[in-house]
Amino acid sequence: MAAEPIPAPRPKTGIPKNPGRRELGMTATLLFPNREIVEQFYVPIIYTACRTCYSEMPPEEIFRKSVDGEFDPAKMQKLIASVIESGHGSTIEHIVFTFGITGVSRTLSHQLVRHRAGVAFDQQSQRYVRFKGAATMLPHSIAEGDEALRERYEDQVSGALELYGEMLEAGLPGEDARFVFPNATRTNLVMTANLRALSTCPGCGCARWRSGRSVGSSS
């Protein structure tokens, strides 16, 4: 009996994989910092910011002593809590987190990038990346709704992606062919935000995670 042929490995691509209609398919991975950096430096940075406002000691000395364990951790935590509870939120803006976000819809990314205070974004380009076989999002309400409407939706999305491919093959530039893309097209991005921006994010429009289902409040 002949052995079954081994399938050729799939070429590497930056295009998000299509996880299937019933999967959200999006991931948010913390790229920076790691646990060691957080534990060693993040509390001292916040404490330095807090204490600098009420101390004659230079900030570099406060930070050095914080990292070296020369201050009582309980007293450090008490001061930090007191300052933050007083509304002095700028003290936690010195702390940043970087996330790799993959497989989200362009609708979601449009909501995210509207909010730039304390947040930086870099997103996968529809101009420089050729999205042949691009993955798309099927909203939960459409997936579980009327079958005829779902089929029409899928036909529209498939037709748009097919037309995109035909325009590329005809020599049209990617920055023009991309205009046919639906908002359901998935994308990747990198987001860096300070701690204050992250802590207030659920109360703003960027919490409208349009990824097939809505989570949080809407703008």
Protein backbone atom coordinates (compact mmCIF):
# COMPACT_ATOMS: atom_id res chain seq x y z
CA MET A 1 0.00 0.00 0.00
CA ALA A 2 1.48 3.31 -1.12
CA ALA A 3 2.08 5.91 1.55
CA GLU A 4 0.00 9.05 1.39
CA PRO A 5 1.93 12.06 0.04
CA ILE A 6 3.11 14.56 2.62
CA PRO A 7 1.50 17.95 1.99
CA ALA A 8 3.88 20.76 1.12
CA PRO A 9 4.42 23.31 3.90
CA ARG A 10 2.31 26.44 3.62
CA PRO A 11 4.23 29.57 2.64
CA LYS A 12 4.74 32.08 5.42
CA THR A 13 2.46 35.08 5.23
CA GLY A 14 1.57 38.12 7.30
CA ILE A 15 -2.09 37.71 6.42
CA PRO A 16 -4.20 36.65 9.43
CA LYS A 17 -5.54 33.12 9.15
CA ASN A 18 -9.27 32.63 8.86
CA PRO A 19 -10.23 30.76 12.06
CA GLY A 20 -13.72 29.83 10.92
CA ARG A 21 -17.10 31.45 11.14
CA ARG A 22 -17.78 30.55 14.78
CA GLU A 23 -14.43 31.71 16.14
CA LEU A 24 -13.59 35.29 17.03
CA GLY A 25 -10.08 34.53 15.84
CA MET A 26 -8.48 37.57 17.41
CA THR A 27 -5.57 37.49 19.82
CA ALA A 28 -3.90 40.17 21.91
CA THR A 29 -0.42 39.20 23.12
CA LEU A 30 1.62 41.22 25.60
CA LEU A 31 4.95 41.84 23.86
CA PHE A 32 6.50 44.11 26.48
CA PRO A 33 7.26 44.15 29.36
CA ASN A 34 7.89 40.73 30.81
CA ARG A 35 7.15 39.82 34.44
CA GLU A 36 10.73 40.47 35.56
CA ILE A 37 10.72 44.04 34.25
CA VAL A 38 7.35 44.75 35.82
CA GLU A 39 8.39 43.47 39.23
CA GLN A 40 11.83 45.10 39.20
CA PHE A 41 11.14 48.49 37.65
CA TYR A 42 7.47 49.41 37.24
CA VAL A 43 6.60 49.98 40.90
CA PRO A 44 9.81 51.99 41.44
CA ILE A 45 9.00 54.15 38.41
CA ILE A 46 5.51 54.94 39.70
CA TYR A 47 6.85 55.54 43.20
CA THR A 48 9.54 57.85 41.82
CA ALA A 49 6.91 59.87 39.96
CA CYS A 50 4.73 60.10 43.07
CA ARG A 51 7.47 60.97 45.55
CA THR A 52 9.21 63.48 43.27
CA CYS A 53 6.14 65.71 43.61
CA TYR A 54 6.53 65.86 47.41
CA SER A 55 10.28 65.47 47.99
CA GLU A 56 13.48 67.49 47.70
CA MET A 57 15.30 64.29 46.78
CA PRO A 58 16.22 64.13 43.04
CA PRO A 59 14.21 61.58 41.05
CA GLU A 60 17.26 59.55 40.02
CA GLU A 61 18.08 59.00 43.69
CA ILE A 62 14.51 58.03 44.52
CA PHE A 63 14.49 55.53 41.66
CA ARG A 64 17.88 54.04 42.61
CA LYS A 65 16.84 53.51 46.22
CA SER A 66 13.50 52.06 45.11
CA VAL A 67 15.15 49.49 42.86
CA ASP A 68 17.79 48.65 45.48
CA GLY A 69 15.13 48.03 48.14
CA GLU A 70 16.13 50.89 50.41
CA PHE A 71 12.53 52.01 50.90
CA ASP A 72 9.86 50.11 52.83
CA PRO A 73 7.66 48.40 50.19
CA ALA A 74 4.54 48.91 52.31
CA LYS A 75 5.20 52.65 52.55
CA MET A 76 5.85 52.80 48.82
CA GLN A 77 2.52 51.12 48.11
CA LYS A 78 0.74 53.43 50.56
CA LEU A 79 2.08 56.57 48.89
CA ILE A 80 1.27 55.27 45.41
CA ALA A 81 -2.28 54.39 46.40
CA SER A 82 -2.80 57.75 48.10
CA VAL A 83 -1.53 59.75 45.12
CA ILE A 84 -3.53 57.79 42.54
CA GLU A 85 -6.72 57.92 44.63
CA SER A 86 -6.31 61.69 44.84
CA GLY A 87 -6.68 61.84 41.06
CA HIS A 88 -3.02 62.42 40.22
CA GLY A 89 -3.18 60.03 37.29
CA SER A 90 -0.14 61.30 35.41
CA THR A 91 2.04 59.27 37.79
CA ILE A 92 1.01 56.03 36.06
CA GLU A 93 1.45 57.40 32.54
CA HIS A 94 5.16 56.59 32.79
CA ILE A 95 4.29 52.88 32.64
CA VAL A 96 3.70 51.44 29.16
CA PHE A 97 2.58 48.11 27.74
CA THR A 98 2.97 46.91 24.14
CA PHE A 99 0.54 44.41 22.60
CA GLY A 100 0.55 42.45 19.36
CA ILE A 101 -3.05 42.28 18.12
CA THR A 102 -3.88 39.85 15.31
CA GLY A 103 -6.88 38.73 13.33
CA VAL A 104 -9.19 41.62 14.22
CA SER A 105 -11.58 43.26 11.79
CA ARG A 106 -10.83 46.62 10.22
CA THR A 107 -13.96 47.89 11.97
CA LEU A 108 -12.36 47.12 15.33
CA SER A 109 -9.04 48.68 14.34
CA HIS A 110 -10.79 51.85 13.17
CA GLN A 111 -12.37 52.18 16.62
CA LEU A 112 -9.04 51.62 18.36
CA VAL A 113 -6.94 54.09 16.37
CA ARG A 114 -9.42 56.90 16.98
CA HIS A 115 -8.10 57.15 20.53
CA ARG A 116 -4.52 58.41 20.47
CA ALA A 117 -4.09 60.04 23.89
CA GLY A 118 -1.40 57.93 25.55
CA VAL A 119 -1.62 55.25 22.85
CA ALA A 120 0.50 54.47 19.77
CA PHE A 121 -0.44 52.20 16.86
CA ASP A 122 1.22 50.61 13.84
CA GLN A 123 -1.08 48.61 11.58
CA GLN A 124 -0.65 46.11 8.78
CA SER A 125 -0.73 48.06 5.52
CA GLN A 126 -3.32 47.32 2.85
CA ARG A 127 -1.08 49.21 0.45
CA TYR A 128 2.14 47.23 0.80
CA VAL A 129 0.74 43.80 1.77
CA ARG A 130 -0.90 41.79 -0.99
CA PHE A 131 -3.98 40.23 0.60
CA LYS A 132 -4.50 37.25 -1.62
CA GLY A 133 -6.79 34.87 0.22
CA ALA A 134 -7.46 37.46 2.93
CA ALA A 135 -9.32 36.31 6.01
CA THR A 136 -12.56 37.99 6.98
CA MET A 137 -14.86 38.22 9.98
CA LEU A 138 -18.38 36.81 10.11
CA PRO A 139 -20.36 38.64 12.81
CA HIS A 140 -22.14 36.39 15.28
CA SER A 141 -25.54 37.89 14.52
CA ILE A 142 -25.16 37.08 10.82
CA ALA A 143 -23.72 33.63 11.47
CA GLU A 144 -26.64 32.68 13.69
CA GLY A 145 -29.27 34.62 11.77
CA ASP A 146 -31.28 34.12 8.61
CA GLU A 147 -29.53 31.63 6.33
CA ALA A 148 -30.44 33.47 3.14
CA LEU A 149 -29.02 36.73 4.48
CA ARG A 150 -25.88 34.96 5.63
CA GLU A 151 -25.36 33.51 2.15
CA ARG A 152 -25.83 36.92 0.57
CA TYR A 153 -23.32 38.39 3.04
CA GLU A 154 -20.75 35.71 2.26
CA ASP A 155 -21.29 36.16 -1.49
CA GLN A 156 -20.70 39.91 -1.14
CA VAL A 157 -17.50 39.42 0.86
CA SER A 158 -16.18 36.68 -1.42
CA GLY A 159 -17.00 38.75 -4.48
CA ALA A 160 -15.13 41.76 -3.11
CA LEU A 161 -12.02 39.70 -2.37
CA GLU A 162 -12.21 38.03 -5.77
CA LEU A 163 -12.44 41.40 -7.50
CA TYR A 164 -9.45 42.61 -5.44
CA GLY A 165 -7.37 39.71 -6.73
CA GLU A 166 -8.45 40.34 -10.32
CA MET A 167 -7.48 44.00 -10.06
CA LEU A 168 -4.02 43.08 -8.78
CA GLU A 169 -3.58 40.61 -11.63
CA ALA A 170 -4.62 43.36 -14.05
CA GLY A 171 -1.77 45.51 -12.77
CA LEU A 172 -3.71 47.92 -10.59
CA PRO A 173 -1.69 49.19 -7.60
CA GLY A 174 -2.56 47.69 -4.25
CA GLU A 175 -3.41 51.11 -2.77
CA ASP A 176 -6.24 51.39 -5.33
CA ALA A 177 -7.42 47.78 -5.35
CA ARG A 178 -7.80 47.84 -1.55
CA PHE A 179 -10.79 50.19 -1.84
CA VAL A 180 -12.97 47.17 -2.53
CA PHE A 181 -12.15 45.55 0.83
CA PRO A 182 -15.07 45.15 3.27
CA ASN A 183 -14.77 46.22 6.91
CA ALA A 184 -14.88 42.51 7.72
CA THR A 185 -11.30 42.08 6.46
CA ARG A 186 -8.97 40.99 9.26
CA THR A 187 -5.81 42.88 10.13
CA ASN A 188 -2.84 42.93 12.53
CA LEU A 189 -1.47 45.81 14.58
CA VAL A 190 0.90 46.74 17.38
CA MET A 191 -0.45 48.91 20.19
CA THR A 192 1.50 50.59 22.97
CA ALA A 193 -0.42 52.34 25.74
CA ASN A 194 0.44 53.82 29.08
CA LEU A 195 -1.21 52.45 32.20
CA ARG A 196 -3.56 55.39 32.61
CA ALA A 197 -4.85 55.05 29.05
CA LEU A 198 -5.42 51.33 29.56
CA SER A 199 -7.23 51.85 32.86
CA THR A 200 -9.70 54.30 31.29
CA CYS A 201 -10.14 52.49 27.98
CA PRO A 202 -13.30 50.52 28.98
CA GLY A 203 -15.13 53.82 29.37
CA CYS A 204 -14.37 55.07 25.87
CA GLY A 205 -15.38 54.17 22.35
CA CYS A 206 -12.33 51.98 21.77
CA ALA A 207 -13.99 49.39 24.01
CA ARG A 208 -16.34 48.68 21.17
CA TRP A 209 -14.50 45.58 20.06
CA ARG A 210 -16.20 44.99 16.74
CA SER A 211 -14.87 41.52 16.18
CA GLY A 212 -18.04 39.73 15.28
CA ARG A 213 -19.46 40.38 18.74
CA SER A 214 -19.49 43.60 20.70
CA VAL A 215 -17.89 43.68 24.12
CA GLY A 216 -18.09 46.68 26.43
CA SER A 217 -19.68 50.04 25.80
CA SER A 218 -20.19 51.66 22.44
CA SER A 219 -19.51 55.19 21.37
